[in-house]
Amino acid sequence: VLGTADGRAETLTYQPGSGAVVRRHVFSGQGCYWGVRVTTKPAAG
């Protein structure tokens, strides 16, 4: 369960041919489970 948002959402823009990127987040919540959700626009093929 994703639970409570921890921090603000970050929006990145990728140009065609872009590779990968690593994002790090310092959590402020004390939950036993952490989650990350990644959403693209437009949707994947």
All heavy atoms as atom14 arrays in JSON, in Angstrom:
{
  "sequence": "VLGTADGRAETLTYQPGSGAVVRRHVFSGQGCYWGVRVTTKPAAG",
  "atom14_mask": [
    [1, 1, 1, 1, 1, 1, 1, 0, 0, 0, 0, 0, 0, 0],
    [1, 1, 1, 1, 1, 1, 1, 1, 0, 0, 0, 0, 0, 0],
    [1, 1, 1, 1, 0, 0, 0, 0, 0, 0, 0, 0, 0, 0],
    [1, 1, 1, 1, 1, 1, 1, 0, 0, 0, 0, 0, 0, 0],
    [1, 1, 1, 1, 1, 0, 0, 0, 0, 0, 0, 0, 0, 0],
    [1, 1, 1, 1, 1, 1, 1, 1, 0, 0, 0, 0, 0, 0],
    [1, 1, 1, 1, 0, 0, 0, 0, 0, 0, 0, 0, 0, 0],
    [1, 1, 1, 1, 1, 1, 1, 1, 1, 1, 1, 0, 0, 0],
    [1, 1, 1, 1, 1, 0, 0, 0, 0, 0, 0, 0, 0, 0],
    [1, 1, 1, 1, 1, 1, 1, 1, 1, 0, 0, 0, 0, 0],
    [1, 1, 1, 1, 1, 1, 1, 0, 0, 0, 0, 0, 0, 0],
    [1, 1, 1, 1, 1, 1, 1, 1, 0, 0, 0, 0, 0, 0],
    [1, 1, 1, 1, 1, 1, 1, 0, 0, 0, 0, 0, 0, 0],
    [1, 1, 1, 1, 1, 1, 1, 1, 1, 1, 1, 1, 0, 0],
    [1, 1, 1, 1, 1, 1, 1, 1, 1, 0, 0, 0, 0, 0],
    [1, 1, 1, 1, 1, 1, 1, 0, 0, 0, 0, 0, 0, 0],
    [1, 1, 1, 1, 0, 0, 0, 0, 0, 0, 0, 0, 0, 0],
    [1, 1, 1, 1, 1, 1, 0, 0, 0, 0, 0, 0, 0, 0],
    [1, 1, 1, 1, 0, 0, 0, 0, 0, 0, 0, 0, 0, 0],
    [1, 1, 1, 1, 1, 0, 0, 0, 0, 0, 0, 0, 0, 0],
    [1, 1, 1, 1, 1, 1, 1, 0, 0, 0, 0, 0, 0, 0],
    [1, 1, 1, 1, 1, 1, 1, 0, 0, 0, 0, 0, 0, 0],
    [1, 1, 1, 1, 1, 1, 1, 1, 1, 1, 1, 0, 0, 0],
    [1, 1, 1, 1, 1, 1, 1, 1, 1, 1, 1, 0, 0, 0],
    [1, 1, 1, 1, 1, 1, 1, 1, 1, 1, 0, 0, 0, 0],
    [1, 1, 1, 1, 1, 1, 1, 0, 0, 0, 0, 0, 0, 0],
    [1, 1, 1, 1, 1, 1, 1, 1, 1, 1, 1, 0, 0, 0],
    [1, 1, 1, 1, 1, 1, 0, 0, 0, 0, 0, 0, 0, 0],
    [1, 1, 1, 1, 0, 0, 0, 0, 0, 0, 0, 0, 0, 0],
    [1, 1, 1, 1, 1, 1, 1, 1, 1, 0, 0, 0, 0, 0],
    [1, 1, 1, 1, 0, 0, 0, 0, 0, 0, 0, 0, 0, 0],
    [1, 1, 1, 1, 1, 1, 0, 0, 0, 0, 0, 0, 0, 0],
    [1, 1, 1, 1, 1, 1, 1, 1, 1, 1, 1, 1, 0, 0],
    [1, 1, 1, 1, 1, 1, 1, 1, 1, 1, 1, 1, 1, 1],
    [1, 1, 1, 1, 0, 0, 0, 0, 0, 0, 0, 0, 0, 0],
    [1, 1, 1, 1, 1, 1, 1, 0, 0, 0, 0, 0, 0, 0],
    [1, 1, 1, 1, 1, 1, 1, 1, 1, 1, 1, 0, 0, 0],
    [1, 1, 1, 1, 1, 1, 1, 0, 0, 0, 0, 0, 0, 0],
    [1, 1, 1, 1, 1, 1, 1, 0, 0, 0, 0, 0, 0, 0],
    [1, 1, 1, 1, 1, 1, 1, 0, 0, 0, 0, 0, 0, 0],
    [1, 1, 1, 1, 1, 1, 1, 1, 1, 0, 0, 0, 0, 0],
    [1, 1, 1, 1, 1, 1, 1, 0, 0, 0, 0, 0, 0, 0],
    [1, 1, 1, 1, 1, 0, 0, 0, 0, 0, 0, 0, 0, 0],
    [1, 1, 1, 1, 1, 0, 0, 0, 0, 0, 0, 0, 0, 0],
    [1, 1, 1, 1, 0, 0, 0, 0, 0, 0, 0, 0, 0, 0]
  ],
  "atom14_positions": [
    [[0.86, -1.18, 0.0], [0.0, 0.0, 0.0], [0.89, 1.23, 0.0], [1.79, 1.34, 0.83], [-0.93, 0.02, 1.24], [-1.73, 1.3, 1.3], [-1.84, -1.19, 1.23], [0.0, 0.0, 0.0], [0.0, 0.0, 0.0], [0.0, 0.0, 0.0], [0.0, 0.0, 0.0], [0.0, 0.0, 0.0], [0.0, 0.0, 0.0], [0.0, 0.0, 0.0]],
    [[0.67, 2.15, -0.93], [1.53, 3.33, -1.0], [1.44, 4.19, 0.26], [2.44, 4.72, 0.73], [1.19, 4.17, -2.23], [1.62, 3.55, -3.56], [1.15, 4.4, -4.71], [3.12, 3.34, -3.61], [0.0, 0.0, 0.0], [0.0, 0.0, 0.0], [0.0, 0.0, 0.0], [0.0, 0.0, 0.0], [0.0, 0.0, 0.0], [0.0, 0.0, 0.0]],
    [[0.28, 4.34, 0.84], [0.16, 5.08, 2.1], [0.2, 6.59, 1.92], [-0.4, 7.14, 1.02], [0.0, 0.0, 0.0], [0.0, 0.0, 0.0], [0.0, 0.0, 0.0], [0.0, 0.0, 0.0], [0.0, 0.0, 0.0], [0.0, 0.0, 0.0], [0.0, 0.0, 0.0], [0.0, 0.0, 0.0], [0.0, 0.0, 0.0], [0.0, 0.0, 0.0]],
    [[0.97, 7.25, 2.79], [1.03, 8.71, 2.86], [2.14, 9.25, 1.99], [3.27, 8.74, 2.01], [1.28, 9.13, 4.33], [0.27, 8.56, 5.15], [1.26, 10.64, 4.47], [0.0, 0.0, 0.0], [0.0, 0.0, 0.0], [0.0, 0.0, 0.0], [0.0, 0.0, 0.0], [0.0, 0.0, 0.0], [0.0, 0.0, 0.0], [0.0, 0.0, 0.0]],
    [[1.85, 10.31, 1.25], [2.88, 10.96, 0.43], [3.99, 11.45, 1.34], [3.74, 11.99, 2.42], [2.27, 12.11, -0.36], [0.0, 0.0, 0.0], [0.0, 0.0, 0.0], [0.0, 0.0, 0.0], [0.0, 0.0, 0.0], [0.0, 0.0, 0.0], [0.0, 0.0, 0.0], [0.0, 0.0, 0.0], [0.0, 0.0, 0.0], [0.0, 0.0, 0.0]],
    [[5.23, 11.25, 0.92], [6.4, 11.68, 1.69], [7.17, 12.69, 0.83], [7.93, 12.3, -0.06], [7.27, 10.47, 2.03], [8.34, 10.81, 3.05], [9.32, 11.47, 2.69], [8.16, 10.41, 4.22], [0.0, 0.0, 0.0], [0.0, 0.0, 0.0], [0.0, 0.0, 0.0], [0.0, 0.0, 0.0], [0.0, 0.0, 0.0], [0.0, 0.0, 0.0]],
    [[6.93, 13.95, 1.06], [7.58, 14.98, 0.25], [6.75, 15.32, -0.96], [5.63, 14.82, -1.15], [0.0, 0.0, 0.0], [0.0, 0.0, 0.0], [0.0, 0.0, 0.0], [0.0, 0.0, 0.0], [0.0, 0.0, 0.0], [0.0, 0.0, 0.0], [0.0, 0.0, 0.0], [0.0, 0.0, 0.0], [0.0, 0.0, 0.0], [0.0, 0.0, 0.0]],
    [[7.3, 16.18, -1.79], [6.59, 16.65, -2.97], [6.94, 15.8, -4.19], [8.05, 15.28, -4.3], [6.93, 18.1, -3.24], [6.47, 18.99, -2.12], [6.63, 20.44, -2.34], [7.67, 20.85, -3.25], [7.94, 22.08, -3.56], [7.24, 23.04, -3.03], [8.9, 22.39, -4.39], [0.0, 0.0, 0.0], [0.0, 0.0, 0.0], [0.0, 0.0, 0.0]],
    [[5.98, 15.72, -5.1], [6.22, 15.01, -6.37], [7.23, 15.8, -7.19], [7.31, 17.02, -7.1], [4.91, 14.85, -7.13], [0.0, 0.0, 0.0], [0.0, 0.0, 0.0], [0.0, 0.0, 0.0], [0.0, 0.0, 0.0], [0.0, 0.0, 0.0], [0.0, 0.0, 0.0], [0.0, 0.0, 0.0], [0.0, 0.0, 0.0], [0.0, 0.0, 0.0]],
    [[7.99, 15.08, -7.99], [8.98, 15.69, -8.87], [8.64, 15.3, -10.31], [8.4, 14.13, -10.59], [10.36, 15.16, -8.5], [11.47, 15.63, -9.37], [12.81, 15.04, -8.97], [12.85, 13.99, -8.3], [13.82, 15.64, -9.35], [0.0, 0.0, 0.0], [0.0, 0.0, 0.0], [0.0, 0.0, 0.0], [0.0, 0.0, 0.0], [0.0, 0.0, 0.0]],
    [[8.61, 16.27, -11.21], [8.32, 15.99, -12.6], [9.58, 16.22, -13.43], [10.2, 17.28, -13.34], [7.16, 16.85, -13.13], [5.99, 16.56, -12.34], [6.85, 16.54, -14.58], [0.0, 0.0, 0.0], [0.0, 0.0, 0.0], [0.0, 0.0, 0.0], [0.0, 0.0, 0.0], [0.0, 0.0, 0.0], [0.0, 0.0, 0.0], [0.0, 0.0, 0.0]],
    [[9.96, 15.2, -14.21], [11.14, 15.24, -15.06], [10.69, 15.19, -16.51], [9.64, 14.62, -16.82], [12.03, 14.03, -14.78], [12.36, 13.75, -13.32], [12.94, 12.35, -13.17], [13.32, 14.78, -12.8], [0.0, 0.0, 0.0], [0.0, 0.0, 0.0], [0.0, 0.0, 0.0], [0.0, 0.0, 0.0], [0.0, 0.0, 0.0], [0.0, 0.0, 0.0]],
    [[11.46, 15.75, -17.41], [11.14, 15.7, -18.83], [12.28, 14.98, -19.55], [13.45, 15.34, -19.38], [10.96, 17.11, -19.42], [9.9, 17.75, -18.72], [10.61, 17.04, -20.89], [0.0, 0.0, 0.0], [0.0, 0.0, 0.0], [0.0, 0.0, 0.0], [0.0, 0.0, 0.0], [0.0, 0.0, 0.0], [0.0, 0.0, 0.0], [0.0, 0.0, 0.0]],
    [[11.92, 13.96, -20.31], [12.89, 13.18, -21.09], [12.7, 13.49, -22.57], [11.58, 13.46, -23.07], [12.68, 11.68, -20.89], [13.11, 11.16, -19.56], [12.29, 11.25, -18.45], [14.36, 10.56, -19.4], [12.68, 10.77, -17.22], [14.76, 10.07, -18.18], [13.92, 10.18, -17.09], [14.32, 9.7, -15.88], [0.0, 0.0, 0.0], [0.0, 0.0, 0.0]],
    [[13.77, 13.73, -23.25], [13.74, 13.91, -24.7], [13.92, 12.53, -25.35], [14.51, 11.63, -24.75], [14.86, 14.85, -25.14], [14.74, 16.24, -24.56], [13.46, 16.95, -24.95], [12.95, 16.78, -26.06], [12.93, 17.75, -24.04], [0.0, 0.0, 0.0], [0.0, 0.0, 0.0], [0.0, 0.0, 0.0], [0.0, 0.0, 0.0], [0.0, 0.0, 0.0]],
    [[13.44, 12.34, -26.56], [13.65, 11.06, -27.25], [15.14, 10.72, -27.27], [15.99, 11.59, -27.47], [13.12, 11.33, -28.66], [12.08, 12.38, -28.46], [12.64, 13.27, -27.37], [0.0, 0.0, 0.0], [0.0, 0.0, 0.0], [0.0, 0.0, 0.0], [0.0, 0.0, 0.0], [0.0, 0.0, 0.0], [0.0, 0.0, 0.0], [0.0, 0.0, 0.0]],
    [[15.45, 9.46, -27.0], [16.82, 9.0, -26.96], [17.47, 9.15, -25.6], [18.63, 8.78, -25.41], [0.0, 0.0, 0.0], [0.0, 0.0, 0.0], [0.0, 0.0, 0.0], [0.0, 0.0, 0.0], [0.0, 0.0, 0.0], [0.0, 0.0, 0.0], [0.0, 0.0, 0.0], [0.0, 0.0, 0.0], [0.0, 0.0, 0.0], [0.0, 0.0, 0.0]],
    [[16.75, 9.68, -24.61], [17.29, 9.82, -23.25], [17.52, 8.45, -22.63], [16.85, 7.48, -22.96], [16.33, 10.61, -22.37], [16.18, 11.92, -22.83], [0.0, 0.0, 0.0], [0.0, 0.0, 0.0], [0.0, 0.0, 0.0], [0.0, 0.0, 0.0], [0.0, 0.0, 0.0], [0.0, 0.0, 0.0], [0.0, 0.0, 0.0], [0.0, 0.0, 0.0]],
    [[18.42, 8.39, -21.69], [18.72, 7.13, -21.0], [18.01, 7.04, -19.67], [16.85, 7.37, -19.54], [0.0, 0.0, 0.0], [0.0, 0.0, 0.0], [0.0, 0.0, 0.0], [0.0, 0.0, 0.0], [0.0, 0.0, 0.0], [0.0, 0.0, 0.0], [0.0, 0.0, 0.0], [0.0, 0.0, 0.0], [0.0, 0.0, 0.0], [0.0, 0.0, 0.0]],
    [[18.77, 6.63, -18.67], [18.22, 6.41, -17.33], [18.71, 7.49, -16.38], [19.71, 8.15, -16.63], [18.63, 5.03, -16.82], [0.0, 0.0, 0.0], [0.0, 0.0, 0.0], [0.0, 0.0, 0.0], [0.0, 0.0, 0.0], [0.0, 0.0, 0.0], [0.0, 0.0, 0.0], [0.0, 0.0, 0.0], [0.0, 0.0, 0.0], [0.0, 0.0, 0.0]],
    [[17.99, 7.64, -15.28], [18.39, 8.57, -14.24], [18.09, 7.91, -12.9], [17.15, 7.13, -12.78], [17.64, 9.93, -14.38], [16.16, 9.76, -14.17], [18.21, 10.96, -13.43], [0.0, 0.0, 0.0], [0.0, 0.0, 0.0], [0.0, 0.0, 0.0], [0.0, 0.0, 0.0], [0.0, 0.0, 0.0], [0.0, 0.0, 0.0], [0.0, 0.0, 0.0]],
    [[18.91, 8.18, -11.9], [18.68, 7.67, -10.55], [18.19, 8.83, -9.7], [18.78, 9.91, -9.69], [19.97, 7.07, -9.94], [19.75, 6.7, -8.48], [20.42, 5.87, -10.75], [0.0, 0.0, 0.0], [0.0, 0.0, 0.0], [0.0, 0.0, 0.0], [0.0, 0.0, 0.0], [0.0, 0.0, 0.0], [0.0, 0.0, 0.0], [0.0, 0.0, 0.0]],
    [[17.09, 8.63, -9.01], [16.54, 9.63, -8.1], [16.67, 9.11, -6.69], [16.38, 7.94, -6.43], [15.06, 9.91, -8.4], [14.73, 10.28, -9.82], [15.55, 11.36, -10.43], [15.48, 12.63, -9.74], [16.33, 13.62, -9.98], [17.29, 13.49, -10.85], [16.21, 14.75, -9.33], [0.0, 0.0, 0.0], [0.0, 0.0, 0.0], [0.0, 0.0, 0.0]],
    [[17.11, 9.95, -5.78], [17.22, 9.59, -4.36], [16.27, 10.45, -3.56], [16.03, 11.6, -3.9], [18.66, 9.79, -3.89], [19.59, 8.77, -4.43], [20.99, 8.94, -3.84], [21.86, 7.88, -4.33], [22.52, 7.94, -5.48], [22.41, 8.99, -6.25], [23.29, 6.94, -5.84], [0.0, 0.0, 0.0], [0.0, 0.0, 0.0], [0.0, 0.0, 0.0]],
    [[15.75, 9.86, -2.49], [14.8, 10.58, -1.64], [15.11, 10.27, -0.18], [15.29, 9.09, 0.19], [13.37, 10.14, -1.98], [12.33, 10.77, -1.11], [11.94, 12.07, -1.26], [11.61, 10.27, -0.08], [11.01, 12.35, -0.36], [10.8, 11.26, 0.37], [0.0, 0.0, 0.0], [0.0, 0.0, 0.0], [0.0, 0.0, 0.0], [0.0, 0.0, 0.0]],
    [[15.2, 11.29, 0.65], [15.35, 11.11, 2.09], [13.95, 11.14, 2.69], [13.25, 12.16, 2.59], [16.25, 12.2, 2.71], [16.32, 12.04, 4.22], [17.64, 12.16, 2.09], [0.0, 0.0, 0.0], [0.0, 0.0, 0.0], [0.0, 0.0, 0.0], [0.0, 0.0, 0.0], [0.0, 0.0, 0.0], [0.0, 0.0, 0.0], [0.0, 0.0, 0.0]],
    [[13.55, 10.03, 3.29], [12.21, 9.9, 3.84], [12.1, 10.59, 5.18], [13.0, 10.51, 6.01], [11.84, 8.42, 3.99], [11.52, 7.75, 2.69], [12.5, 7.2, 1.91], [10.21, 7.71, 2.24], [12.22, 6.6, 0.7], [9.89, 7.12, 1.03], [10.9, 6.56, 0.27], [0.0, 0.0, 0.0], [0.0, 0.0, 0.0], [0.0, 0.0, 0.0]],
    [[10.96, 11.26, 5.4], [10.7, 11.88, 6.69], [9.72, 11.05, 7.51], [9.67, 11.17, 8.72], [10.16, 13.3, 6.51], [8.97, 13.27, 5.76], [0.0, 0.0, 0.0], [0.0, 0.0, 0.0], [0.0, 0.0, 0.0], [0.0, 0.0, 0.0], [0.0, 0.0, 0.0], [0.0, 0.0, 0.0], [0.0, 0.0, 0.0], [0.0, 0.0, 0.0]],
    [[8.93, 10.21, 6.85], [7.98, 9.35, 7.54], [8.65, 8.15, 8.18], [9.76, 7.77, 7.81], [0.0, 0.0, 0.0], [0.0, 0.0, 0.0], [0.0, 0.0, 0.0], [0.0, 0.0, 0.0], [0.0, 0.0, 0.0], [0.0, 0.0, 0.0], [0.0, 0.0, 0.0], [0.0, 0.0, 0.0], [0.0, 0.0, 0.0], [0.0, 0.0, 0.0]],
    [[7.99, 7.55, 9.14], [8.55, 6.42, 9.87], [7.88, 5.1, 9.53], [8.02, 4.14, 10.27], [8.42, 6.69, 11.38], [9.2, 7.91, 11.82], [10.68, 7.78, 11.53], [11.31, 6.78, 11.85], [11.25, 8.79, 10.91], [0.0, 0.0, 0.0], [0.0, 0.0, 0.0], [0.0, 0.0, 0.0], [0.0, 0.0, 0.0], [0.0, 0.0, 0.0]],
    [[7.17, 5.03, 8.42], [6.49, 3.79, 8.05], [7.46, 2.65, 7.8], [8.64, 2.86, 7.5], [0.0, 0.0, 0.0], [0.0, 0.0, 0.0], [0.0, 0.0, 0.0], [0.0, 0.0, 0.0], [0.0, 0.0, 0.0], [0.0, 0.0, 0.0], [0.0, 0.0, 0.0], [0.0, 0.0, 0.0], [0.0, 0.0, 0.0], [0.0, 0.0, 0.0]],
    [[6.99, 1.42, 7.95], [7.83, 0.23, 7.73], [7.99, -0.1, 6.25], [8.82, -0.92, 5.89], [7.24, -0.97, 8.46], [7.62, -0.93, 10.22], [0.0, 0.0, 0.0], [0.0, 0.0, 0.0], [0.0, 0.0, 0.0], [0.0, 0.0, 0.0], [0.0, 0.0, 0.0], [0.0, 0.0, 0.0], [0.0, 0.0, 0.0], [0.0, 0.0, 0.0]],
    [[7.19, 0.52, 5.4], [7.3, 0.28, 3.97], [7.41, 1.61, 3.25], [6.69, 2.56, 3.55], [6.06, -0.47, 3.45], [5.91, -1.82, 4.07], [5.12, -2.0, 5.19], [6.58, -2.93, 3.54], [5.0, -3.25, 5.78], [6.46, -4.18, 4.12], [5.67, -4.33, 5.25], [5.55, -5.56, 5.82], [0.0, 0.0, 0.0], [0.0, 0.0, 0.0]],
    [[8.31, 1.68, 2.32], [8.47, 2.85, 1.47], [8.02, 2.48, 0.07], [8.19, 1.34, -0.36], [9.91, 3.3, 1.41], [10.46, 3.84, 2.68], [9.77, 4.31, 3.75], [11.84, 3.97, 3.01], [10.62, 4.73, 4.72], [11.91, 4.53, 4.29], [13.02, 3.68, 2.35], [13.11, 4.8, 4.91], [14.22, 3.95, 2.97], [14.26, 4.51, 4.24]],
    [[7.5, 3.44, -0.64], [7.08, 3.18, -2.01], [7.45, 4.34, -2.91], [7.58, 5.47, -2.45], [0.0, 0.0, 0.0], [0.0, 0.0, 0.0], [0.0, 0.0, 0.0], [0.0, 0.0, 0.0], [0.0, 0.0, 0.0], [0.0, 0.0, 0.0], [0.0, 0.0, 0.0], [0.0, 0.0, 0.0], [0.0, 0.0, 0.0], [0.0, 0.0, 0.0]],
    [[7.6, 4.02, -4.17], [7.81, 5.05, -5.18], [6.86, 4.73, -6.33], [6.69, 3.58, -6.72], [9.28, 5.13, -5.65], [9.74, 3.83, -6.27], [9.48, 6.29, -6.62], [0.0, 0.0, 0.0], [0.0, 0.0, 0.0], [0.0, 0.0, 0.0], [0.0, 0.0, 0.0], [0.0, 0.0, 0.0], [0.0, 0.0, 0.0], [0.0, 0.0, 0.0]],
    [[6.2, 5.77, -6.84], [5.3, 5.63, -7.98], [5.83, 6.53, -9.09], [6.11, 7.71, -8.86], [3.88, 6.01, -7.61], [2.92, 5.95, -8.8], [1.48, 6.13, -8.39], [1.27, 7.38, -7.7], [0.21, 7.62, -6.92], [-0.69, 6.69, -6.71], [0.07, 8.78, -6.32], [0.0, 0.0, 0.0], [0.0, 0.0, 0.0], [0.0, 0.0, 0.0]],
    [[5.95, 5.97, -10.28], [6.42, 6.71, -11.44], [5.31, 6.69, -12.49], [4.82, 5.62, -12.84], [7.72, 6.08, -12.01], [8.18, 6.82, -13.24], [8.81, 6.07, -10.94], [0.0, 0.0, 0.0], [0.0, 0.0, 0.0], [0.0, 0.0, 0.0], [0.0, 0.0, 0.0], [0.0, 0.0, 0.0], [0.0, 0.0, 0.0], [0.0, 0.0, 0.0]],
    [[4.91, 7.87, -12.96], [3.83, 8.0, -13.93], [4.35, 8.75, -15.14], [5.03, 9.77, -15.0], [2.65, 8.78, -13.31], [2.26, 8.15, -12.09], [1.47, 8.84, -14.25], [0.0, 0.0, 0.0], [0.0, 0.0, 0.0], [0.0, 0.0, 0.0], [0.0, 0.0, 0.0], [0.0, 0.0, 0.0], [0.0, 0.0, 0.0], [0.0, 0.0, 0.0]],
    [[4.04, 8.24, -16.34], [4.48, 8.89, -17.57], [3.31, 9.51, -18.32], [2.18, 9.03, -18.25], [5.18, 7.89, -18.52], [4.23, 6.89, -18.91], [6.37, 7.24, -17.86], [0.0, 0.0, 0.0], [0.0, 0.0, 0.0], [0.0, 0.0, 0.0], [0.0, 0.0, 0.0], [0.0, 0.0, 0.0], [0.0, 0.0, 0.0], [0.0, 0.0, 0.0]],
    [[3.6, 10.57, -19.04], [2.65, 11.18, -19.97], [3.43, 11.51, -21.22], [4.4, 12.25, -21.15], [2.04, 12.46, -19.39], [1.09, 12.17, -18.27], [0.43, 13.44, -17.79], [-0.48, 13.1, -16.61], [-1.09, 14.25, -16.04], [0.0, 0.0, 0.0], [0.0, 0.0, 0.0], [0.0, 0.0, 0.0], [0.0, 0.0, 0.0], [0.0, 0.0, 0.0]],
    [[3.07, 10.95, -22.35], [1.96, 10.02, -22.57], [2.28, 8.64, -21.97], [3.39, 8.37, -21.55], [1.86, 9.95, -24.09], [3.24, 10.24, -24.58], [3.81, 11.22, -23.59], [0.0, 0.0, 0.0], [0.0, 0.0, 0.0], [0.0, 0.0, 0.0], [0.0, 0.0, 0.0], [0.0, 0.0, 0.0], [0.0, 0.0, 0.0], [0.0, 0.0, 0.0]],
    [[1.25, 7.78, -21.97], [1.41, 6.42, -21.46], [2.41, 5.65, -22.31], [2.64, 5.97, -23.47], [0.06, 5.7, -21.47], [0.0, 0.0, 0.0], [0.0, 0.0, 0.0], [0.0, 0.0, 0.0], [0.0, 0.0, 0.0], [0.0, 0.0, 0.0], [0.0, 0.0, 0.0], [0.0, 0.0, 0.0], [0.0, 0.0, 0.0], [0.0, 0.0, 0.0]],
    [[2.99, 4.62, -21.71], [3.93, 3.76, -22.43], [3.21, 3.03, -23.56], [1.99, 2.87, -23.54], [4.53, 2.75, -21.47], [0.0, 0.0, 0.0], [0.0, 0.0, 0.0], [0.0, 0.0, 0.0], [0.0, 0.0, 0.0], [0.0, 0.0, 0.0], [0.0, 0.0, 0.0], [0.0, 0.0, 0.0], [0.0, 0.0, 0.0], [0.0, 0.0, 0.0]],
    [[3.98, 2.58, -24.55], [3.43, 1.87, -25.7], [2.69, 0.61, -25.32], [1.79, 0.17, -26.02], [0.0, 0.0, 0.0], [0.0, 0.0, 0.0], [0.0, 0.0, 0.0], [0.0, 0.0, 0.0], [0.0, 0.0, 0.0], [0.0, 0.0, 0.0], [0.0, 0.0, 0.0], [0.0, 0.0, 0.0], [0.0, 0.0, 0.0], [0.0, 0.0, 0.0]]
  ]
}
